[in-house]
Each structure stands twice: as structure tokens, then as C-alpha cells.
N, C-alpha and C. Protein backbone atom coordinates (compact mmCIF):
# COMPACT_ATOMS: atom_id res chain seq x y z
N MET A 1 -14.35 -11.07 -3.47
CA MET A 1 -13.75 -9.82 -3.10
C MET A 1 -12.46 -10.10 -2.33
N GLN A 2 -11.40 -9.50 -2.81
CA GLN A 2 -10.09 -9.65 -2.17
C GLN A 2 -9.88 -8.53 -1.13
N ARG A 3 -9.26 -8.87 -0.04
CA ARG A 3 -8.96 -7.90 1.02
C ARG A 3 -7.45 -7.85 1.23
N ILE A 4 -6.93 -6.64 1.36
CA ILE A 4 -5.53 -6.43 1.69
C ILE A 4 -5.45 -5.46 2.84
N LYS A 5 -4.42 -5.65 3.69
CA LYS A 5 -4.26 -4.78 4.83
C LYS A 5 -3.47 -3.55 4.43
N ILE A 6 -3.90 -2.41 4.98
CA ILE A 6 -3.21 -1.14 4.70
C ILE A 6 -2.85 -0.49 6.02
N VAL A 7 -1.83 0.37 5.95
CA VAL A 7 -1.42 1.19 7.07
C VAL A 7 -1.61 2.62 6.62
N TYR A 8 -2.31 3.44 7.43
CA TYR A 8 -2.56 4.81 7.02
C TYR A 8 -2.63 5.75 8.22
N TRP A 9 -2.39 7.03 7.95
CA TRP A 9 -2.48 8.03 9.02
C TRP A 9 -2.69 9.41 8.38
N GLU A 10 -3.19 10.30 9.19
CA GLU A 10 -3.42 11.68 8.74
C GLU A 10 -2.23 12.52 9.18
N GLU A 11 -1.77 13.34 8.27
CA GLU A 11 -0.61 14.18 8.55
C GLU A 11 -0.72 15.51 7.78
N GLU A 12 -0.69 16.60 8.51
CA GLU A 12 -0.71 17.95 7.92
C GLU A 12 -1.84 18.14 6.92
N GLY A 13 -3.03 17.71 7.26
CA GLY A 13 -4.20 17.92 6.44
C GLY A 13 -4.39 16.95 5.31
N GLY A 14 -3.52 15.96 5.17
CA GLY A 14 -3.65 14.95 4.13
C GLY A 14 -3.53 13.58 4.74
N TRP A 15 -3.62 12.57 3.90
CA TRP A 15 -3.54 11.18 4.36
C TRP A 15 -2.38 10.48 3.65
N LEU A 16 -1.62 9.71 4.40
CA LEU A 16 -0.53 8.93 3.87
C LEU A 16 -0.78 7.46 4.18
N GLY A 17 -0.27 6.55 3.34
CA GLY A 17 -0.47 5.16 3.63
C GLY A 17 0.30 4.27 2.67
N TYR A 18 0.30 2.98 3.02
CA TYR A 18 0.95 1.96 2.19
C TYR A 18 0.24 0.62 2.39
N LEU A 19 0.52 -0.30 1.49
CA LEU A 19 0.00 -1.64 1.58
C LEU A 19 0.90 -2.40 2.56
N GLU A 20 0.33 -3.08 3.53
CA GLU A 20 1.11 -3.71 4.60
C GLU A 20 2.19 -4.65 4.03
N GLU A 21 1.89 -5.39 2.95
CA GLU A 21 2.86 -6.30 2.38
C GLU A 21 3.97 -5.61 1.61
N TYR A 22 3.77 -4.34 1.29
CA TYR A 22 4.73 -3.58 0.47
C TYR A 22 5.03 -2.25 1.14
N PRO A 23 5.72 -2.26 2.28
CA PRO A 23 5.89 -1.01 3.06
C PRO A 23 6.81 0.03 2.41
N ASP A 24 7.50 -0.33 1.38
CA ASP A 24 8.40 0.63 0.72
C ASP A 24 7.68 1.57 -0.23
N TYR A 25 6.43 1.27 -0.53
CA TYR A 25 5.70 2.00 -1.58
C TYR A 25 4.54 2.78 -0.98
N TRP A 26 4.78 4.01 -0.63
CA TRP A 26 3.79 4.87 -0.01
C TRP A 26 3.02 5.66 -1.07
N THR A 27 1.83 6.09 -0.68
CA THR A 27 1.07 7.00 -1.51
C THR A 27 0.31 7.95 -0.60
N GLN A 28 -0.39 8.91 -1.19
CA GLN A 28 -1.08 9.91 -0.40
C GLN A 28 -2.41 10.28 -1.03
N GLY A 29 -3.25 10.92 -0.25
CA GLY A 29 -4.55 11.39 -0.73
C GLY A 29 -5.03 12.58 0.07
N GLU A 30 -5.91 13.34 -0.50
CA GLU A 30 -6.46 14.51 0.19
C GLU A 30 -7.45 14.12 1.26
N THR A 31 -8.15 13.00 1.01
CA THR A 31 -9.10 12.47 1.99
C THR A 31 -8.77 10.98 2.16
N LEU A 32 -9.36 10.36 3.17
CA LEU A 32 -9.13 8.94 3.40
C LEU A 32 -9.63 8.12 2.20
N ASP A 33 -10.80 8.47 1.66
CA ASP A 33 -11.31 7.76 0.47
C ASP A 33 -10.39 7.92 -0.74
N ASP A 34 -9.82 9.12 -0.90
CA ASP A 34 -8.89 9.40 -1.97
C ASP A 34 -7.62 8.53 -1.79
N LEU A 35 -7.14 8.44 -0.55
CA LEU A 35 -5.97 7.61 -0.27
C LEU A 35 -6.26 6.14 -0.62
N LYS A 36 -7.44 5.66 -0.23
CA LYS A 36 -7.80 4.26 -0.51
C LYS A 36 -7.83 4.00 -2.02
N ASP A 37 -8.33 4.97 -2.77
CA ASP A 37 -8.32 4.82 -4.24
C ASP A 37 -6.90 4.73 -4.76
N HIS A 38 -6.00 5.57 -4.24
CA HIS A 38 -4.58 5.51 -4.67
C HIS A 38 -3.95 4.21 -4.26
N LEU A 39 -4.30 3.68 -3.10
CA LEU A 39 -3.76 2.41 -2.65
C LEU A 39 -4.23 1.26 -3.56
N LYS A 40 -5.47 1.32 -3.99
CA LYS A 40 -5.99 0.31 -4.93
C LYS A 40 -5.20 0.38 -6.23
N ASP A 41 -4.97 1.58 -6.74
CA ASP A 41 -4.20 1.76 -7.97
C ASP A 41 -2.77 1.22 -7.79
N LEU A 42 -2.17 1.52 -6.65
CA LEU A 42 -0.83 1.03 -6.35
C LEU A 42 -0.78 -0.48 -6.34
N PHE A 43 -1.77 -1.11 -5.71
CA PHE A 43 -1.83 -2.57 -5.67
C PHE A 43 -1.88 -3.15 -7.08
N GLU A 44 -2.68 -2.53 -7.93
CA GLU A 44 -2.79 -3.01 -9.31
C GLU A 44 -1.47 -2.86 -10.05
N GLU A 45 -0.78 -1.75 -9.82
CA GLU A 45 0.51 -1.54 -10.48
C GLU A 45 1.55 -2.55 -9.99
N ILE A 46 1.59 -2.81 -8.71
CA ILE A 46 2.53 -3.74 -8.14
C ILE A 46 2.24 -5.17 -8.62
N THR A 47 1.03 -5.61 -8.47
CA THR A 47 0.68 -6.99 -8.83
C THR A 47 0.62 -7.20 -10.34
N GLY A 48 0.50 -6.12 -11.09
CA GLY A 48 0.45 -6.23 -12.54
C GLY A 48 1.87 -6.22 -13.16
N GLY A 49 2.89 -6.12 -12.33
CA GLY A 49 4.26 -6.13 -12.84
C GLY A 49 4.73 -4.84 -13.45
N HIS A 50 4.05 -3.74 -13.15
CA HIS A 50 4.43 -2.47 -13.72
C HIS A 50 5.54 -1.74 -13.00
N ILE A 51 5.90 -2.22 -11.82
CA ILE A 51 6.96 -1.62 -11.04
C ILE A 51 8.04 -2.70 -10.84
N PRO A 52 9.24 -2.47 -11.39
CA PRO A 52 10.27 -3.50 -11.28
C PRO A 52 10.93 -3.52 -9.89
N GLY A 53 11.49 -4.67 -9.53
CA GLY A 53 12.27 -4.78 -8.29
C GLY A 53 11.46 -4.62 -7.02
N ILE A 54 10.26 -5.11 -6.97
CA ILE A 54 9.38 -4.94 -5.82
C ILE A 54 9.93 -5.74 -4.64
N ARG A 55 10.01 -5.07 -3.49
CA ARG A 55 10.34 -5.73 -2.22
C ARG A 55 9.05 -5.96 -1.45
N LYS A 56 8.94 -7.14 -0.87
CA LYS A 56 7.70 -7.55 -0.19
C LYS A 56 8.03 -8.04 1.21
N VAL A 57 7.13 -7.84 2.13
CA VAL A 57 7.28 -8.35 3.50
C VAL A 57 6.62 -9.72 3.52
N GLY A 58 7.30 -10.70 4.09
CA GLY A 58 6.78 -12.04 4.20
C GLY A 58 6.94 -12.54 5.62
N GLU A 59 6.78 -13.83 5.78
CA GLU A 59 6.88 -14.44 7.10
C GLU A 59 7.74 -15.71 7.00
N LEU A 60 8.62 -15.90 7.95
CA LEU A 60 9.46 -17.04 8.00
C LEU A 60 9.15 -17.84 9.24
N VAL A 61 8.89 -19.12 9.09
CA VAL A 61 8.54 -19.98 10.23
C VAL A 61 9.83 -20.73 10.63
N LEU A 62 10.21 -20.55 11.88
CA LEU A 62 11.39 -21.22 12.41
C LEU A 62 11.00 -22.40 13.29
N SER A 63 11.69 -23.51 13.15
CA SER A 63 11.37 -24.70 13.97
C SER A 63 12.29 -24.84 15.15
């Protein structure tokens, strides 16, 4: 089972969120479970190459 971090919040009766590694790509849901389903779909679209020009957050180690 793969785990990915998400960022989410409730706003005006709905839920908004994004995948932590891909903060430019938000989605929404009517409930938290609905949002999580949309985030799973978004992850599949991003990792499946269905969205061109994906920007990703990474980490740089400085010495």
C-alpha cells in the first residue's frame, strides 16, 4: 500500500485539497471522503502522464 501526503481544509461547506508533492493541482469534494477519492484520481492522472508539464515539489540538500 502506497501512502502520499495531502493537504486539505473545509471551506464554505465543501472540502479543498491537493497532493503535497504537487501543490499546483487542487481538487474539491462535497465531503472529506469525496475529496480523498478525487485526490486519488488526481494522483493517478499525474503519475500516469495524463497531465503535461507537471510541476513537483522536491528537496535540495545543501552541503
